[in-house]
């Protein structure tokens, strides 16, 4: 799935990180060698944590009232991704794993951005406009 403007939040750091995640997700979907798959999965595993940490810092900076729930979505996703990563590394690029990658990596990110991140963005922009 290619990045498109409907996924933009308007927060430069968040958008840049989201773009990077989508680029790597696309790379994963076309990867066929075990080395490439492992590199991409390892990158995603660490970058997801970095991105979530950065996003949660933004939540704190504006006292986002839904920060705890949002962090919960992040924590659950990290667990889901780790389980997926282990399966993918064990089994390789099977059709089932490619479909799971599309659902777990691309689908979850897209849905999360469109609902939870966009909701936060609205709050963040309102709060930072007042400063």
N, C-alpha and C. Protein backbone atom coordinates (compact mmCIF):
# COMPACT_ATOMS: atom_id res chain seq x y z
N UNK A 1 0.85 -1.18 0.00
CA UNK A 1 0.00 0.00 0.00
C UNK A 1 0.88 1.23 0.00
N UNK A 2 0.65 2.08 -0.90
CA UNK A 2 1.43 3.29 -0.98
C UNK A 2 0.85 4.35 -0.06
N UNK A 3 1.74 5.15 0.46
CA UNK A 3 1.34 6.29 1.27
C UNK A 3 0.53 7.24 0.41
N UNK A 4 -0.49 7.84 0.99
CA UNK A 4 -1.22 8.88 0.26
C UNK A 4 -1.64 9.97 1.23
N UNK A 5 -2.05 11.09 0.69
CA UNK A 5 -2.32 12.27 1.51
C UNK A 5 -3.46 12.06 2.52
N UNK A 6 -4.34 11.11 2.29
CA UNK A 6 -5.43 10.89 3.25
C UNK A 6 -4.89 10.38 4.59
N UNK A 7 -3.65 9.86 4.60
CA UNK A 7 -3.05 9.34 5.82
C UNK A 7 -2.26 10.41 6.59
N UNK A 8 -2.11 11.58 6.01
CA UNK A 8 -1.35 12.63 6.67
C UNK A 8 -2.08 13.16 7.90
N UNK A 9 -1.30 13.38 8.95
CA UNK A 9 -1.87 13.95 10.17
C UNK A 9 -1.60 15.45 10.24
N UNK A 10 -0.58 15.91 9.53
CA UNK A 10 -0.20 17.31 9.61
C UNK A 10 0.85 17.56 10.68
N UNK A 11 1.25 16.51 11.39
CA UNK A 11 2.35 16.60 12.35
C UNK A 11 3.56 15.99 11.65
N UNK A 12 4.54 16.84 11.34
CA UNK A 12 5.65 16.44 10.48
C UNK A 12 6.34 15.16 10.94
N UNK A 13 6.74 15.09 12.20
CA UNK A 13 7.44 13.92 12.71
C UNK A 13 6.60 12.65 12.54
N UNK A 14 5.35 12.73 12.90
CA UNK A 14 4.45 11.56 12.82
C UNK A 14 4.29 11.13 11.36
N UNK A 15 4.06 12.08 10.47
CA UNK A 15 3.87 11.74 9.06
C UNK A 15 5.13 11.12 8.46
N UNK A 16 6.29 11.66 8.80
CA UNK A 16 7.54 11.10 8.28
C UNK A 16 7.72 9.66 8.77
N UNK A 17 7.43 9.42 10.03
CA UNK A 17 7.57 8.07 10.57
C UNK A 17 6.53 7.12 9.96
N UNK A 18 5.31 7.59 9.79
CA UNK A 18 4.30 6.75 9.16
C UNK A 18 4.72 6.38 7.74
N UNK A 19 5.25 7.34 7.00
CA UNK A 19 5.72 7.07 5.63
C UNK A 19 6.80 5.99 5.64
N UNK A 20 7.71 6.10 6.58
CA UNK A 20 8.79 5.11 6.69
C UNK A 20 8.22 3.72 6.98
N UNK A 21 7.24 3.65 7.86
CA UNK A 21 6.60 2.37 8.18
C UNK A 21 5.91 1.77 6.95
N UNK A 22 5.22 2.60 6.18
CA UNK A 22 4.55 2.11 4.98
C UNK A 22 5.56 1.67 3.92
N UNK A 23 6.65 2.42 3.78
CA UNK A 23 7.70 2.02 2.82
C UNK A 23 8.24 0.63 3.18
N UNK A 24 8.51 0.42 4.45
CA UNK A 24 9.05 -0.87 4.88
C UNK A 24 7.99 -1.98 4.77
N UNK A 25 6.74 -1.65 5.02
CA UNK A 25 5.67 -2.64 4.85
C UNK A 25 5.58 -3.06 3.39
N UNK A 26 5.69 -2.11 2.48
CA UNK A 26 5.69 -2.44 1.06
C UNK A 26 6.88 -3.33 0.71
N UNK A 27 8.03 -3.00 1.29
CA UNK A 27 9.23 -3.80 1.06
C UNK A 27 9.02 -5.25 1.55
N UNK A 28 8.37 -5.38 2.69
CA UNK A 28 8.10 -6.71 3.22
C UNK A 28 7.19 -7.51 2.29
N UNK A 29 6.18 -6.86 1.75
CA UNK A 29 5.21 -7.55 0.91
C UNK A 29 5.82 -8.09 -0.39
N UNK A 30 6.91 -7.47 -0.85
CA UNK A 30 7.54 -7.95 -2.08
C UNK A 30 8.80 -8.77 -1.83
N UNK A 31 9.24 -8.83 -0.57
CA UNK A 31 10.46 -9.56 -0.24
C UNK A 31 10.27 -11.06 -0.45
N UNK A 32 11.32 -11.69 -0.94
CA UNK A 32 11.24 -13.13 -1.14
C UNK A 32 12.40 -13.88 -0.49
N UNK A 33 13.48 -13.20 -0.21
CA UNK A 33 14.61 -13.90 0.42
C UNK A 33 14.52 -13.80 1.93
N UNK A 34 14.99 -14.83 2.59
CA UNK A 34 14.96 -14.87 4.04
C UNK A 34 15.73 -13.74 4.69
N UNK A 35 16.88 -13.37 4.11
CA UNK A 35 17.69 -12.29 4.68
C UNK A 35 16.96 -10.96 4.61
N UNK A 36 16.34 -10.68 3.47
CA UNK A 36 15.61 -9.42 3.31
C UNK A 36 14.42 -9.38 4.26
N UNK A 37 13.70 -10.46 4.34
CA UNK A 37 12.53 -10.52 5.22
C UNK A 37 12.95 -10.27 6.66
N UNK A 38 14.01 -10.93 7.11
CA UNK A 38 14.48 -10.75 8.48
C UNK A 38 14.88 -9.31 8.73
N UNK A 39 15.62 -8.70 7.80
CA UNK A 39 16.04 -7.30 7.96
C UNK A 39 14.84 -6.36 8.08
N UNK A 40 13.87 -6.56 7.21
CA UNK A 40 12.69 -5.68 7.22
C UNK A 40 11.88 -5.88 8.49
N UNK A 41 11.68 -7.13 8.89
CA UNK A 41 10.92 -7.40 10.12
C UNK A 41 11.64 -6.83 11.34
N UNK A 42 12.96 -7.00 11.39
CA UNK A 42 13.72 -6.44 12.51
C UNK A 42 13.62 -4.92 12.54
N UNK A 43 13.72 -4.31 11.36
CA UNK A 43 13.58 -2.85 11.28
C UNK A 43 12.21 -2.43 11.79
N UNK A 44 11.18 -3.08 11.27
CA UNK A 44 9.81 -2.72 11.68
C UNK A 44 9.62 -2.89 13.18
N UNK A 45 10.11 -3.98 13.72
CA UNK A 45 9.94 -4.23 15.16
C UNK A 45 10.54 -3.10 15.99
N UNK A 46 11.72 -2.65 15.64
CA UNK A 46 12.35 -1.59 16.43
C UNK A 46 11.77 -0.21 16.09
N UNK A 47 11.45 0.00 14.83
CA UNK A 47 10.94 1.32 14.43
C UNK A 47 9.53 1.56 14.95
N UNK A 48 8.74 0.52 15.03
CA UNK A 48 7.39 0.65 15.59
C UNK A 48 7.48 1.14 17.04
N UNK A 49 8.38 0.55 17.81
CA UNK A 49 8.55 0.96 19.21
C UNK A 49 9.01 2.41 19.27
N UNK A 50 9.97 2.78 18.43
CA UNK A 50 10.45 4.17 18.41
C UNK A 50 9.30 5.12 18.06
N UNK A 51 8.57 4.77 17.03
CA UNK A 51 7.46 5.62 16.60
C UNK A 51 6.42 5.78 17.71
N UNK A 52 6.04 4.67 18.34
CA UNK A 52 5.05 4.74 19.40
C UNK A 52 5.57 5.57 20.57
N UNK A 53 6.83 5.45 20.90
CA UNK A 53 7.42 6.24 21.98
C UNK A 53 7.36 7.72 21.64
N UNK A 54 7.72 8.07 20.41
CA UNK A 54 7.66 9.48 19.98
C UNK A 54 6.23 10.00 20.02
N UNK A 55 5.30 9.19 19.55
CA UNK A 55 3.90 9.60 19.53
C UNK A 55 3.38 9.81 20.96
N UNK A 56 3.74 8.89 21.84
CA UNK A 56 3.29 9.00 23.23
C UNK A 56 3.91 10.22 23.93
N UNK A 57 5.09 10.62 23.52
CA UNK A 57 5.69 11.85 24.06
C UNK A 57 4.87 13.06 23.62
N UNK A 58 4.39 13.03 22.40
CA UNK A 58 3.52 14.12 21.93
C UNK A 58 2.23 14.13 22.74
N UNK A 59 1.69 12.95 23.05
CA UNK A 59 0.48 12.87 23.87
C UNK A 59 0.71 13.56 25.21
N UNK A 60 1.84 13.25 25.83
CA UNK A 60 2.15 13.85 27.14
C UNK A 60 2.34 15.35 27.04
N UNK A 61 2.93 15.80 25.95
CA UNK A 61 3.23 17.23 25.81
C UNK A 61 1.99 18.10 25.81
N UNK A 62 0.84 17.52 25.46
CA UNK A 62 -0.40 18.29 25.44
C UNK A 62 -1.45 17.71 26.38
N UNK A 63 -1.02 16.84 27.28
CA UNK A 63 -1.92 16.20 28.25
C UNK A 63 -3.15 15.59 27.57
N UNK A 64 -2.88 14.77 26.56
CA UNK A 64 -3.95 14.15 25.79
C UNK A 64 -4.79 13.24 26.70
N UNK A 65 -6.09 13.50 26.83
CA UNK A 65 -6.91 12.74 27.76
C UNK A 65 -7.10 11.26 27.39
N UNK A 66 -6.86 10.90 26.14
CA UNK A 66 -7.00 9.51 25.72
C UNK A 66 -5.64 8.82 25.57
N UNK A 67 -4.61 9.39 26.18
CA UNK A 67 -3.26 8.86 26.04
C UNK A 67 -3.15 7.43 26.55
N UNK A 68 -3.77 7.11 27.66
CA UNK A 68 -3.67 5.77 28.23
C UNK A 68 -4.28 4.74 27.29
N UNK A 69 -5.45 5.04 26.75
CA UNK A 69 -6.10 4.12 25.81
C UNK A 69 -5.25 3.97 24.55
N UNK A 70 -4.72 5.08 24.06
CA UNK A 70 -3.91 5.06 22.85
C UNK A 70 -2.64 4.21 23.08
N UNK A 71 -2.02 4.38 24.24
CA UNK A 71 -0.85 3.58 24.59
C UNK A 71 -1.22 2.09 24.63
N UNK A 72 -2.42 1.81 25.10
CA UNK A 72 -2.90 0.42 25.13
C UNK A 72 -2.99 -0.18 23.73
N UNK A 73 -3.47 0.60 22.76
CA UNK A 73 -3.52 0.13 21.37
C UNK A 73 -2.11 -0.16 20.87
N UNK A 74 -1.18 0.73 21.21
CA UNK A 74 0.21 0.54 20.81
C UNK A 74 0.79 -0.74 21.42
N UNK A 75 0.58 -0.92 22.71
CA UNK A 75 1.13 -2.09 23.39
C UNK A 75 0.58 -3.40 22.81
N UNK A 76 -0.71 -3.43 22.53
CA UNK A 76 -1.31 -4.62 21.93
C UNK A 76 -0.74 -4.88 20.54
N UNK A 77 -0.52 -3.81 19.80
CA UNK A 77 0.03 -3.98 18.47
C UNK A 77 1.45 -4.53 18.51
N UNK A 78 2.25 -4.05 19.45
CA UNK A 78 3.63 -4.55 19.58
C UNK A 78 3.59 -6.06 19.83
N UNK A 79 2.69 -6.51 20.70
CA UNK A 79 2.56 -7.95 20.97
C UNK A 79 2.13 -8.71 19.71
N UNK A 80 1.14 -8.18 19.02
CA UNK A 80 0.66 -8.81 17.79
C UNK A 80 1.76 -8.87 16.75
N UNK A 81 2.51 -7.78 16.60
CA UNK A 81 3.57 -7.75 15.61
C UNK A 81 4.66 -8.76 15.94
N UNK A 82 5.05 -8.84 17.21
CA UNK A 82 6.10 -9.79 17.60
C UNK A 82 5.68 -11.23 17.29
N UNK A 83 4.43 -11.56 17.57
CA UNK A 83 3.93 -12.89 17.27
C UNK A 83 3.95 -13.15 15.76
N UNK A 84 3.51 -12.15 15.00
CA UNK A 84 3.54 -12.24 13.54
C UNK A 84 4.98 -12.39 13.04
N UNK A 85 5.89 -11.60 13.59
CA UNK A 85 7.30 -11.64 13.18
C UNK A 85 7.88 -13.05 13.38
N UNK A 86 7.61 -13.63 14.52
CA UNK A 86 8.11 -14.98 14.80
C UNK A 86 7.57 -15.99 13.79
N UNK A 87 6.29 -15.90 13.49
CA UNK A 87 5.67 -16.81 12.53
C UNK A 87 6.26 -16.61 11.15
N UNK A 88 6.41 -15.36 10.72
CA UNK A 88 6.91 -15.06 9.38
C UNK A 88 8.35 -15.54 9.23
N UNK A 89 9.17 -15.31 10.26
CA UNK A 89 10.56 -15.73 10.19
C UNK A 89 10.68 -17.25 10.16
N UNK A 90 9.77 -17.92 10.84
CA UNK A 90 9.79 -19.38 10.90
C UNK A 90 9.32 -20.00 9.58
N UNK A 91 8.25 -19.44 9.01
CA UNK A 91 7.61 -20.06 7.84
C UNK A 91 8.00 -19.45 6.51
N UNK A 92 8.48 -18.20 6.53
CA UNK A 92 8.84 -17.54 5.28
C UNK A 92 7.65 -16.88 4.60
N UNK A 93 7.86 -16.46 3.34
CA UNK A 93 6.84 -15.68 2.63
C UNK A 93 5.75 -16.55 2.00
N UNK A 94 5.06 -17.29 2.83
CA UNK A 94 3.93 -18.08 2.33
C UNK A 94 2.78 -17.13 1.97
N UNK A 95 1.84 -17.61 1.21
CA UNK A 95 0.67 -16.79 0.87
C UNK A 95 -0.04 -16.34 2.14
N UNK A 96 -0.17 -17.25 3.08
CA UNK A 96 -0.82 -16.93 4.35
C UNK A 96 -0.08 -15.81 5.09
N UNK A 97 1.23 -15.88 5.10
CA UNK A 97 2.01 -14.85 5.80
C UNK A 97 1.98 -13.51 5.05
N UNK A 98 1.95 -13.56 3.73
CA UNK A 98 1.83 -12.32 2.95
C UNK A 98 0.48 -11.65 3.24
N UNK A 99 -0.57 -12.46 3.33
CA UNK A 99 -1.89 -11.91 3.65
C UNK A 99 -1.90 -11.35 5.07
N UNK A 100 -1.26 -12.07 5.99
CA UNK A 100 -1.17 -11.59 7.37
C UNK A 100 -0.38 -10.29 7.43
N UNK A 101 0.70 -10.19 6.65
CA UNK A 101 1.50 -8.96 6.63
C UNK A 101 0.64 -7.80 6.16
N UNK A 102 -0.15 -8.04 5.14
CA UNK A 102 -1.01 -6.97 4.63
C UNK A 102 -2.02 -6.54 5.69
N UNK A 103 -2.58 -7.51 6.40
CA UNK A 103 -3.58 -7.19 7.42
C UNK A 103 -2.93 -6.59 8.67
N UNK A 104 -1.90 -7.22 9.18
CA UNK A 104 -1.31 -6.81 10.45
C UNK A 104 -0.46 -5.56 10.32
N UNK A 105 0.32 -5.48 9.28
CA UNK A 105 1.21 -4.32 9.15
C UNK A 105 0.49 -3.17 8.48
N UNK A 106 0.03 -3.38 7.26
CA UNK A 106 -0.58 -2.29 6.50
C UNK A 106 -1.97 -1.94 7.03
N UNK A 107 -2.81 -2.94 7.17
CA UNK A 107 -4.19 -2.69 7.59
C UNK A 107 -4.29 -2.04 8.95
N UNK A 108 -3.55 -2.60 9.91
CA UNK A 108 -3.61 -2.04 11.26
C UNK A 108 -3.11 -0.60 11.27
N UNK A 109 -1.99 -0.35 10.61
CA UNK A 109 -1.44 1.01 10.59
C UNK A 109 -2.43 1.99 9.96
N UNK A 110 -2.98 1.60 8.83
CA UNK A 110 -3.93 2.47 8.15
C UNK A 110 -5.13 2.76 9.05
N UNK A 111 -5.72 1.73 9.61
CA UNK A 111 -6.88 1.92 10.49
C UNK A 111 -6.53 2.77 11.71
N UNK A 112 -5.38 2.49 12.30
CA UNK A 112 -4.96 3.23 13.50
C UNK A 112 -4.74 4.71 13.18
N UNK A 113 -4.11 4.97 12.06
CA UNK A 113 -3.88 6.37 11.66
C UNK A 113 -5.21 7.07 11.42
N UNK A 114 -6.09 6.43 10.65
CA UNK A 114 -7.33 7.08 10.25
C UNK A 114 -8.27 7.34 11.43
N UNK A 115 -8.19 6.52 12.46
CA UNK A 115 -9.10 6.70 13.61
C UNK A 115 -8.37 7.37 14.77
N UNK A 116 -7.45 6.67 15.37
CA UNK A 116 -6.85 7.13 16.63
C UNK A 116 -5.85 8.27 16.44
N UNK A 117 -4.99 8.16 15.43
CA UNK A 117 -4.02 9.21 15.23
C UNK A 117 -4.67 10.50 14.74
N UNK A 118 -5.66 10.37 13.89
CA UNK A 118 -6.38 11.57 13.41
C UNK A 118 -7.14 12.24 14.56
N UNK A 119 -7.68 11.45 15.45
CA UNK A 119 -8.37 12.01 16.62
C UNK A 119 -7.37 12.76 17.49
N UNK A 120 -6.21 12.16 17.73
CA UNK A 120 -5.18 12.84 18.50
C UNK A 120 -4.71 14.10 17.80
N UNK A 121 -4.52 14.03 16.50
CA UNK A 121 -4.03 15.18 15.74
C UNK A 121 -4.94 16.39 15.92
N UNK A 122 -6.24 16.15 15.87
CA UNK A 122 -7.20 17.24 16.05
C UNK A 122 -6.99 17.89 17.43
N UNK A 123 -6.87 17.06 18.45
CA UNK A 123 -6.65 17.57 19.81
C UNK A 123 -5.31 18.31 19.89
N UNK A 124 -4.28 17.70 19.34
CA UNK A 124 -2.93 18.28 19.38
C UNK A 124 -2.90 19.66 18.71
N UNK A 125 -3.51 19.77 17.56
CA UNK A 125 -3.52 21.05 16.83
C UNK A 125 -4.30 22.12 17.60
N UNK A 126 -5.39 21.72 18.23
CA UNK A 126 -6.15 22.68 19.05
C UNK A 126 -5.33 23.17 20.22
N UNK A 127 -4.65 22.24 20.89
CA UNK A 127 -3.85 22.59 22.06
C UNK A 127 -2.64 23.43 21.69
N UNK A 128 -1.95 23.08 20.63
CA UNK A 128 -0.74 23.81 20.26
C UNK A 128 -1.07 25.15 19.63
N UNK A 129 -2.26 25.32 19.09
CA UNK A 129 -2.66 26.60 18.52
C UNK A 129 -2.90 27.62 19.63
N UNK A 130 -3.21 27.14 20.84
CA UNK A 130 -3.50 28.03 21.96
C UNK A 130 -2.23 28.58 22.60
N UNK A 131 -1.09 27.94 22.34
CA UNK A 131 0.17 28.34 23.00
C UNK A 131 0.76 29.57 22.36
